[in-house]
């Protein structure tokens, strides 16, 4: 799929990319629901969506998500990896079962 642009953005493409985003955050132990529920981080949550939409590594992302064990940290190609790592260190965002 590669990065999504205004020419290639469909509802289906957006939903597929957001599924990858949710899976990546969950795989790394971060609760996306908690992130969105935290008002002071609205801009951060929005930026993670924009970063995922602009990412060209969707196939690598899907493959990594299918193979990687839980709570391993985001892969090098993930544009949100630094943010995910910082969220993992904040107890407000740790997913249940961590």
Foldseek 3Di string as FASTA:
>chain_A
DFADDPVRDDPVVLVLLVVLVCLQLQQQQFALVLQCVDVVNVVVNVVLSNQSNNGGCSVVSVVCSVPPHGNPFGDPSRPCRVVSVVRCVPVSTGHPPD
